[in-house]
Protein backbone atom coordinates (compact mmCIF):
# COMPACT_ATOMS: atom_id res chain seq x y z
CA UNK A 1 0.00 0.00 0.00
CA UNK A 2 1.30 3.46 -0.84
CA UNK A 3 1.06 6.50 1.41
CA UNK A 4 -0.99 9.51 0.37
CA UNK A 5 0.95 12.76 0.61
CA UNK A 6 -0.79 16.08 1.34
CA UNK A 7 0.36 17.71 -1.90
CA UNK A 8 -1.64 19.92 -4.25
CA UNK A 9 -1.02 20.74 -7.87
CA UNK A 10 -0.22 24.41 -8.44
CA UNK A 11 -3.42 24.80 -10.49
CA UNK A 12 -5.48 24.17 -7.30
CA UNK A 13 -3.85 27.00 -5.33
CA UNK A 14 -5.45 30.44 -4.97
CA UNK A 15 -3.86 33.72 -3.90
CA UNK A 16 -4.23 34.62 -0.23
CA UNK A 17 -6.87 37.21 0.60
CA UNK A 18 -5.42 40.01 2.74
CA UNK A 19 -6.89 40.46 6.21
CA UNK A 20 -9.33 43.39 6.12
CA UNK A 21 -9.27 43.76 9.92
CA UNK A 22 -5.59 44.60 10.33
CA UNK A 23 -6.32 48.24 11.17
CA UNK A 24 -9.19 47.35 13.51
CA UNK A 25 -8.61 47.80 17.21
CA UNK A 26 -11.04 48.10 20.08
CA UNK A 27 -10.56 50.58 22.88
CA UNK A 28 -9.35 49.19 26.19
CA UNK A 29 -12.09 48.54 28.74
CA UNK A 30 -12.49 50.96 31.62
CA UNK A 31 -10.52 50.20 34.77
CA UNK A 32 -12.30 48.22 37.45
CA UNK A 33 -12.45 50.13 40.73
CA UNK A 34 -12.07 47.96 43.86
CA UNK A 35 -12.01 49.61 47.29
CA UNK A 36 -11.50 52.99 45.61
CA UNK A 37 -8.38 51.82 43.72
CA UNK A 38 -8.17 50.95 40.02
CA UNK A 39 -7.45 47.26 39.44
CA UNK A 40 -4.59 46.66 37.01
CA UNK A 41 -6.16 45.34 33.77
CA UNK A 42 -2.92 45.15 31.75
CA UNK A 43 -1.93 41.74 33.11
CA UNK A 44 -3.22 38.88 30.99
CA UNK A 45 -1.88 35.91 32.90
CA UNK A 46 -3.63 32.92 34.41
CA UNK A 47 -4.11 32.95 38.15
CA UNK A 48 -5.29 30.16 40.44
CA UNK A 49 -8.88 30.59 41.60
CA UNK A 50 -7.62 30.93 45.18
CA UNK A 51 -5.99 34.26 44.21
CA UNK A 52 -9.20 35.70 42.74
CA UNK A 53 -10.40 37.25 45.98
CA UNK A 54 -12.59 39.83 44.19
CA UNK A 55 -14.18 37.35 41.78
CA UNK A 56 -15.61 34.54 43.92
CA UNK A 57 -19.11 35.05 42.50
CA UNK A 58 -17.76 34.92 38.94
CA UNK A 59 -15.83 31.72 39.70
CA UNK A 60 -18.99 30.17 41.19
CA UNK A 61 -21.03 31.27 38.16
CA UNK A 62 -18.43 29.70 35.87
CA UNK A 63 -18.65 26.36 37.66
CA UNK A 64 -22.45 26.45 37.59
CA UNK A 65 -22.37 27.08 33.85
CA UNK A 66 -19.63 24.47 33.18
CA UNK A 67 -20.10 21.73 35.80
CA UNK A 68 -17.72 19.30 34.06
CA UNK A 69 -14.74 21.66 34.28
CA UNK A 70 -12.26 20.97 37.07
CA UNK A 71 -12.65 23.01 40.22
CA UNK A 72 -9.83 24.41 42.33
CA UNK A 73 -8.19 21.99 44.73
PDB file of N, CA and C in Angstrom:
ATOM      1  N   UNK A   1       0.841  -1.168   0.000  1.00  0.00           N
ATOM      2  CA  UNK A   1       0.000   0.000   0.000  1.00  0.00           C
ATOM      3  C   UNK A   1       0.899   1.248   0.000  1.00  0.00           C
ATOM      4  N   UNK A   2       0.510   2.233  -0.754  1.00  0.00           N
ATOM      5  CA  UNK A   2       1.296   3.459  -0.843  1.00  0.00           C
ATOM      6  C   UNK A   2       0.679   4.555   0.019  1.00  0.00           C
ATOM      7  N   UNK A   3       1.529   5.399   0.566  1.00  0.00           N
ATOM      8  CA  UNK A   3       1.061   6.503   1.408  1.00  0.00           C
ATOM      9  C   UNK A   3       0.524   7.629   0.540  1.00  0.00           C
ATOM     10  N   UNK A   4      -0.441   8.354   1.059  1.00  0.00           N
ATOM     11  CA  UNK A   4      -0.994   9.514   0.375  1.00  0.00           C
ATOM     12  C   UNK A   4      -0.340  10.743   0.981  1.00  0.00           C
ATOM     13  N   UNK A   5       0.262  11.565   0.148  1.00  0.00           N
ATOM     14  CA  UNK A   5       0.955  12.755   0.614  1.00  0.00           C
ATOM     15  C   UNK A   5       0.049  13.977   0.456  1.00  0.00           C
ATOM     16  N   UNK A   6       0.055  14.874   1.436  1.00  0.00           N
ATOM     17  CA  UNK A   6      -0.787  16.081   1.339  1.00  0.00           C
ATOM     18  C   UNK A   6      -0.165  17.103   0.392  1.00  0.00           C
ATOM     19  N   UNK A   7      -0.221  16.811  -0.892  1.00  0.00           N
ATOM     20  CA  UNK A   7       0.357  17.706  -1.897  1.00  0.00           C
ATOM     21  C   UNK A   7      -0.750  18.141  -2.845  1.00  0.00           C
ATOM     22  N   UNK A   8      -0.656  19.377  -3.323  1.00  0.00           N
ATOM     23  CA  UNK A   8      -1.639  19.916  -4.251  1.00  0.00           C
ATOM     24  C   UNK A   8      -0.921  20.401  -5.496  1.00  0.00           C
ATOM     25  N   UNK A   9      -1.577  20.214  -6.619  1.00  0.00           N
ATOM     26  CA  UNK A   9      -1.021  20.740  -7.870  1.00  0.00           C
ATOM     27  C   UNK A   9      -1.167  22.255  -7.847  1.00  0.00           C
ATOM     28  N   UNK A  10      -0.240  22.953  -8.447  1.00  0.00           N
ATOM     29  CA  UNK A  10      -0.222  24.415  -8.444  1.00  0.00           C
ATOM     30  C   UNK A  10      -1.514  25.001  -9.015  1.00  0.00           C
ATOM     31  N   UNK A  11      -2.185  24.288  -9.900  1.00  0.00           N
ATOM     32  CA  UNK A  11      -3.424  24.800 -10.491  1.00  0.00           C
ATOM     33  C   UNK A  11      -4.562  24.859  -9.469  1.00  0.00           C
ATOM     34  N   UNK A  12      -4.438  24.170  -8.331  1.00  0.00           N
ATOM     35  CA  UNK A  12      -5.477  24.170  -7.301  1.00  0.00           C
ATOM     36  C   UNK A  12      -5.275  25.270  -6.262  1.00  0.00           C
ATOM     37  N   UNK A  13      -4.152  25.956  -6.304  1.00  0.00           N
ATOM     38  CA  UNK A  13      -3.854  26.998  -5.332  1.00  0.00           C
ATOM     39  C   UNK A  13      -4.492  28.318  -5.739  1.00  0.00           C
ATOM     40  N   UNK A  14      -4.883  29.111  -4.743  1.00  0.00           N
ATOM     41  CA  UNK A  14      -5.450  30.439  -4.973  1.00  0.00           C
ATOM     42  C   UNK A  14      -4.639  31.453  -4.188  1.00  0.00           C
ATOM     43  N   UNK A  15      -4.601  32.705  -4.655  1.00  0.00           N
ATOM     44  CA  UNK A  15      -3.855  33.722  -3.896  1.00  0.00           C
ATOM     45  C   UNK A  15      -4.524  33.989  -2.545  1.00  0.00           C
ATOM     46  N   UNK A  16      -3.717  34.311  -1.561  1.00  0.00           N
ATOM     47  CA  UNK A  16      -4.233  34.619  -0.228  1.00  0.00           C
ATOM     48  C   UNK A  16      -4.981  35.935  -0.256  1.00  0.00           C
ATOM     49  N   UNK A  17      -6.079  35.984   0.491  1.00  0.00           N
ATOM     50  CA  UNK A  17      -6.870  37.207   0.596  1.00  0.00           C
ATOM     51  C   UNK A  17      -6.346  37.986   1.797  1.00  0.00           C
ATOM     52  N   UNK A  18      -5.961  39.254   1.607  1.00  0.00           N
ATOM     53  CA  UNK A  18      -5.422  40.015   2.742  1.00  0.00           C
ATOM     54  C   UNK A  18      -6.479  40.209   3.831  1.00  0.00           C
ATOM     55  N   UNK A  19      -6.022  40.257   5.056  1.00  0.00           N
ATOM     56  CA  UNK A  19      -6.887  40.463   6.206  1.00  0.00           C
ATOM     57  C   UNK A  19      -7.412  41.889   6.189  1.00  0.00           C
ATOM     58  N   UNK A  20      -8.739  42.038   6.165  1.00  0.00           N
ATOM     59  CA  UNK A  20      -9.327  43.387   6.121  1.00  0.00           C
ATOM     60  C   UNK A  20      -9.438  44.016   7.504  1.00  0.00           C
ATOM     61  N   UNK A  21      -9.146  43.253   8.556  1.00  0.00           N
ATOM     62  CA  UNK A  21      -9.274  43.761   9.919  1.00  0.00           C
ATOM     63  C   UNK A  21      -7.935  44.149  10.542  1.00  0.00           C
ATOM     64  N   UNK A  22      -6.900  44.285   9.774  1.00  0.00           N
ATOM     65  CA  UNK A  22      -5.590  44.604  10.333  1.00  0.00           C
ATOM     66  C   UNK A  22      -5.584  45.945  11.060  1.00  0.00           C
ATOM     67  N   UNK A  23      -6.313  46.916  10.570  1.00  0.00           N
ATOM     68  CA  UNK A  23      -6.320  48.240  11.174  1.00  0.00           C
ATOM     69  C   UNK A  23      -7.350  48.354  12.298  1.00  0.00           C
ATOM     70  N   UNK A  24      -8.127  47.319  12.516  1.00  0.00           N
ATOM     71  CA  UNK A  24      -9.195  47.354  13.511  1.00  0.00           C
ATOM     72  C   UNK A  24      -8.625  47.135  14.914  1.00  0.00           C
ATOM     73  N   UNK A  25      -8.980  47.998  15.812  1.00  0.00           N
ATOM     74  CA  UNK A  25      -8.607  47.800  17.208  1.00  0.00           C
ATOM     75  C   UNK A  25      -9.715  48.366  18.083  1.00  0.00           C
ATOM     76  N   UNK A  26     -10.001  47.655  19.155  1.00  0.00           N
ATOM     77  CA  UNK A  26     -11.035  48.099  20.077  1.00  0.00           C
ATOM     78  C   UNK A  26     -10.401  48.873  21.220  1.00  0.00           C
ATOM     79  N   UNK A  27     -11.114  49.842  21.745  1.00  0.00           N
ATOM     80  CA  UNK A  27     -10.560  50.581  22.883  1.00  0.00           C
ATOM     81  C   UNK A  27     -10.461  49.673  24.101  1.00  0.00           C
ATOM     82  N   UNK A  28      -9.510  49.963  24.968  1.00  0.00           N
ATOM     83  CA  UNK A  28      -9.345  49.190  26.194  1.00  0.00           C
ATOM     84  C   UNK A  28     -10.551  49.396  27.098  1.00  0.00           C
ATOM     85  N   UNK A  29     -10.965  48.373  27.823  1.00  0.00           N
ATOM     86  CA  UNK A  29     -12.095  48.545  28.737  1.00  0.00           C
ATOM     87  C   UNK A  29     -11.714  49.472  29.884  1.00  0.00           C
ATOM     88  N   UNK A  30     -12.725  50.057  30.488  1.00  0.00           N
ATOM     89  CA  UNK A  30     -12.493  50.958  31.616  1.00  0.00           C
ATOM     90  C   UNK A  30     -11.913  50.179  32.790  1.00  0.00           C
ATOM     91  N   UNK A  31     -11.120  50.850  33.605  1.00  0.00           N
ATOM     92  CA  UNK A  31     -10.519  50.203  34.774  1.00  0.00           C
ATOM     93  C   UNK A  31     -11.605  49.802  35.761  1.00  0.00           C
ATOM     94  N   UNK A  32     -11.392  48.683  36.413  1.00  0.00           N
ATOM     95  CA  UNK A  32     -12.302  48.218  37.450  1.00  0.00           C
ATOM     96  C   UNK A  32     -11.841  48.839  38.763  1.00  0.00           C
ATOM     97  N   UNK A  33     -12.772  49.470  39.466  1.00  0.00           N
ATOM     98  CA  UNK A  33     -12.451  50.130  40.733  1.00  0.00           C
ATOM     99  C   UNK A  33     -12.827  49.190  41.878  1.00  0.00           C
ATOM    100  N   UNK A  34     -11.842  48.824  42.708  1.00  0.00           N
ATOM    101  CA  UNK A  34     -12.066  47.961  43.864  1.00  0.00           C
ATOM    102  C   UNK A  34     -11.511  48.677  45.084  1.00  0.00           C
ATOM    103  N   UNK A  35     -12.371  48.891  46.053  1.00  0.00           N
ATOM    104  CA  UNK A  35     -12.009  49.612  47.285  1.00  0.00           C
ATOM    105  C   UNK A  35     -11.397  50.979  46.960  1.00  0.00           C
ATOM    106  N   UNK A  36     -11.958  51.655  45.966  1.00  0.00           N
ATOM    107  CA  UNK A  36     -11.501  52.989  45.607  1.00  0.00           C
ATOM    108  C   UNK A  36     -10.210  53.036  44.820  1.00  0.00           C
ATOM    109  N   UNK A  37      -9.639  51.882  44.466  1.00  0.00           N
ATOM    110  CA  UNK A  37      -8.379  51.823  43.718  1.00  0.00           C
ATOM    111  C   UNK A  37      -8.617  51.127  42.384  1.00  0.00           C
ATOM    112  N   UNK A  38      -8.023  51.649  41.299  1.00  0.00           N
ATOM    113  CA  UNK A  38      -8.170  50.952  40.021  1.00  0.00           C
ATOM    114  C   UNK A  38      -7.403  49.633  40.013  1.00  0.00           C
ATOM    115  N   UNK A  39      -8.070  48.586  39.553  1.00  0.00           N
ATOM    116  CA  UNK A  39      -7.452  47.263  39.444  1.00  0.00           C
ATOM    117  C   UNK A  39      -6.649  47.249  38.152  1.00  0.00           C
ATOM    118  N   UNK A  40      -5.450  46.707  38.184  1.00  0.00           N
ATOM    119  CA  UNK A  40      -4.587  46.662  37.005  1.00  0.00           C
ATOM    120  C   UNK A  40      -5.181  45.690  35.990  1.00  0.00           C
ATOM    121  N   UNK A  41      -5.564  46.187  34.799  1.00  0.00           N
ATOM    122  CA  UNK A  41      -6.161  45.337  33.766  1.00  0.00           C
ATOM    123  C   UNK A  41      -5.163  45.003  32.670  1.00  0.00           C
ATOM    124  N   UNK A  42      -3.916  45.419  32.798  1.00  0.00           N
ATOM    125  CA  UNK A  42      -2.924  45.147  31.748  1.00  0.00           C
ATOM    126  C   UNK A  42      -2.395  43.724  31.812  1.00  0.00           C
ATOM    127  N   UNK A  43      -2.460  43.096  32.981  1.00  0.00           N
ATOM    128  CA  UNK A  43      -1.928  41.739  33.108  1.00  0.00           C
ATOM    129  C   UNK A  43      -2.898  40.757  32.471  1.00  0.00           C
ATOM    130  N   UNK A  44      -2.386  39.913  31.613  1.00  0.00           N
ATOM    131  CA  UNK A  44      -3.218  38.881  30.990  1.00  0.00           C
ATOM    132  C   UNK A  44      -2.597  37.522  31.256  1.00  0.00           C
ATOM    133  N   UNK A  45      -2.471  37.189  32.516  1.00  0.00           N
ATOM    134  CA  UNK A  45      -1.884  35.914  32.898  1.00  0.00           C
ATOM    135  C   UNK A  45      -2.920  35.111  33.673  1.00  0.00           C
ATOM    136  N   UNK A  46      -2.723  33.800  33.696  1.00  0.00           N
ATOM    137  CA  UNK A  46      -3.629  32.918  34.411  1.00  0.00           C
ATOM    138  C   UNK A  46      -3.272  32.920  35.887  1.00  0.00           C
ATOM    139  N   UNK A  47      -4.292  32.986  36.708  1.00  0.00           N
ATOM    140  CA  UNK A  47      -4.114  32.947  38.151  1.00  0.00           C
ATOM    141  C   UNK A  47      -4.930  31.795  38.717  1.00  0.00           C
ATOM    142  N   UNK A  48      -4.460  31.180  39.791  1.00  0.00           N
ATOM    143  CA  UNK A  48      -5.287  30.161  40.436  1.00  0.00           C
ATOM    144  C   UNK A  48      -6.536  30.806  41.036  1.00  0.00           C
ATOM    145  N   UNK A  49      -7.617  30.054  41.084  1.00  0.00           N
ATOM    146  CA  UNK A  49      -8.883  30.588  41.601  1.00  0.00           C
ATOM    147  C   UNK A  49      -8.737  31.074  43.037  1.00  0.00           C
ATOM    148  N   UNK A  50      -7.806  30.509  43.787  1.00  0.00           N
ATOM    149  CA  UNK A  50      -7.620  30.931  45.179  1.00  0.00           C
ATOM    150  C   UNK A  50      -7.107  32.365  45.282  1.00  0.00           C
ATOM    151  N   UNK A  51      -6.503  32.882  44.208  1.00  0.00           N
ATOM    152  CA  UNK A  51      -5.990  34.256  44.215  1.00  0.00           C
ATOM    153  C   UNK A  51      -6.998  35.262  43.673  1.00  0.00           C
ATOM    154  N   UNK A  52      -8.183  34.802  43.289  1.00  0.00           N
ATOM    155  CA  UNK A  52      -9.201  35.697  42.741  1.00  0.00           C
ATOM    156  C   UNK A  52     -10.151  36.139  43.842  1.00  0.00           C
ATOM    157  N   UNK A  53      -9.618  36.872  44.803  1.00  0.00           N
ATOM    158  CA  UNK A  53     -10.401  37.246  45.978  1.00  0.00           C
ATOM    159  C   UNK A  53     -11.581  38.146  45.651  1.00  0.00           C
ATOM    160  N   UNK A  54     -11.503  38.918  44.551  1.00  0.00           N
ATOM    161  CA  UNK A  54     -12.587  39.828  44.194  1.00  0.00           C
ATOM    162  C   UNK A  54     -13.548  39.214  43.178  1.00  0.00           C
ATOM    163  N   UNK A  55     -13.369  37.941  42.839  1.00  0.00           N
ATOM    164  CA  UNK A  55     -14.184  37.352  41.784  1.00  0.00           C
ATOM    165  C   UNK A  55     -14.796  36.015  42.193  1.00  0.00           C
ATOM    166  N   UNK A  56     -15.065  35.823  43.465  1.00  0.00           N
ATOM    167  CA  UNK A  56     -15.612  34.544  43.918  1.00  0.00           C
ATOM    168  C   UNK A  56     -16.968  34.242  43.284  1.00  0.00           C
ATOM    169  N   UNK A  57     -17.809  35.268  43.125  1.00  0.00           N
ATOM    170  CA  UNK A  57     -19.113  35.051  42.496  1.00  0.00           C
ATOM    171  C   UNK A  57     -18.949  34.646  41.031  1.00  0.00           C
ATOM    172  N   UNK A  58     -17.998  35.267  40.340  1.00  0.00           N
ATOM    173  CA  UNK A  58     -17.764  34.916  38.937  1.00  0.00           C
ATOM    174  C   UNK A  58     -17.234  33.495  38.802  1.00  0.00           C
ATOM    175  N   UNK A  59     -16.357  33.089  39.716  1.00  0.00           N
ATOM    176  CA  UNK A  59     -15.832  31.722  39.696  1.00  0.00           C
ATOM    177  C   UNK A  59     -16.972  30.735  39.953  1.00  0.00           C
ATOM    178  N   UNK A  60     -17.840  31.041  40.917  1.00  0.00           N
ATOM    179  CA  UNK A  60     -18.990  30.167  41.193  1.00  0.00           C
ATOM    180  C   UNK A  60     -19.925  30.101  39.988  1.00  0.00           C
ATOM    181  N   UNK A  61     -20.184  31.244  39.357  1.00  0.00           N
ATOM    182  CA  UNK A  61     -21.032  31.270  38.163  1.00  0.00           C
ATOM    183  C   UNK A  61     -20.428  30.427  37.046  1.00  0.00           C
ATOM    184  N   UNK A  62     -19.113  30.498  36.889  1.00  0.00           N
ATOM    185  CA  UNK A  62     -18.429  29.699  35.871  1.00  0.00           C
ATOM    186  C   UNK A  62     -18.666  28.216  36.112  1.00  0.00           C
ATOM    187  N   UNK A  63     -18.502  27.784  37.359  1.00  0.00           N
ATOM    188  CA  UNK A  63     -18.648  26.355  37.663  1.00  0.00           C
ATOM    189  C   UNK A  63     -20.102  25.900  37.587  1.00  0.00           C
ATOM    190  N   UNK A  64     -21.049  26.802  37.802  1.00  0.00           N
ATOM    191  CA  UNK A  64     -22.449  26.447  37.592  1.00  0.00           C
ATOM    192  C   UNK A  64     -22.752  26.283  36.108  1.00  0.00           C
ATOM    193  N   UNK A  65     -22.143  27.128  35.298  1.00  0.00           N
ATOM    194  CA  UNK A  65     -22.369  27.077  33.846  1.00  0.00           C
ATOM    195  C   UNK A  65     -21.631  25.897  33.198  1.00  0.00           C
ATOM    196  N   UNK A  66     -20.451  25.551  33.719  1.00  0.00           N
ATOM    197  CA  UNK A  66     -19.627  24.468  33.178  1.00  0.00           C
ATOM    198  C   UNK A  66     -19.320  23.458  34.287  1.00  0.00           C
ATOM    199  N   UNK A  67     -20.307  22.635  34.660  1.00  0.00           N
ATOM    200  CA  UNK A  67     -20.097  21.735  35.802  1.00  0.00           C
ATOM    201  C   UNK A  67     -19.054  20.639  35.563  1.00  0.00           C
ATOM    202  N   UNK A  68     -18.710  20.350  34.311  1.00  0.00           N
ATOM    203  CA  UNK A  68     -17.718  19.303  34.061  1.00  0.00           C
ATOM    204  C   UNK A  68     -16.283  19.802  34.105  1.00  0.00           C
ATOM    205  N   UNK A  69     -16.098  21.115  34.203  1.00  0.00           N
ATOM    206  CA  UNK A  69     -14.744  21.664  34.278  1.00  0.00           C
ATOM    207  C   UNK A  69     -14.167  21.422  35.670  1.00  0.00           C
ATOM    208  N   UNK A  70     -12.858  21.220  35.757  1.00  0.00           N
ATOM    209  CA  UNK A  70     -12.263  20.970  37.072  1.00  0.00           C
ATOM    210  C   UNK A  70     -12.357  22.190  37.975  1.00  0.00           C
ATOM    211  N   UNK A  71     -12.579  21.939  39.234  1.00  0.00           N
ATOM    212  CA  UNK A  71     -12.647  23.008  40.222  1.00  0.00           C
ATOM    213  C   UNK A  71     -11.323  23.136  40.927  1.00  0.00           C
ATOM    214  N   UNK A  72     -11.088  24.246  41.608  1.00  0.00           N
ATOM    215  CA  UNK A  72      -9.829  24.415  42.329  1.00  0.00           C
ATOM    216  C   UNK A  72      -9.690  23.358  43.424  1.00  0.00           C
ATOM    217  N   UNK A  73      -8.457  23.010  43.694  1.00  0.00           N
ATOM    218  CA  UNK A  73      -8.193  21.994  44.727  1.00  0.00           C
ATOM    219  C   UNK A  73      -8.389  22.555  46.108  1.00  0.00           C
TER     220      UNK A  73
END
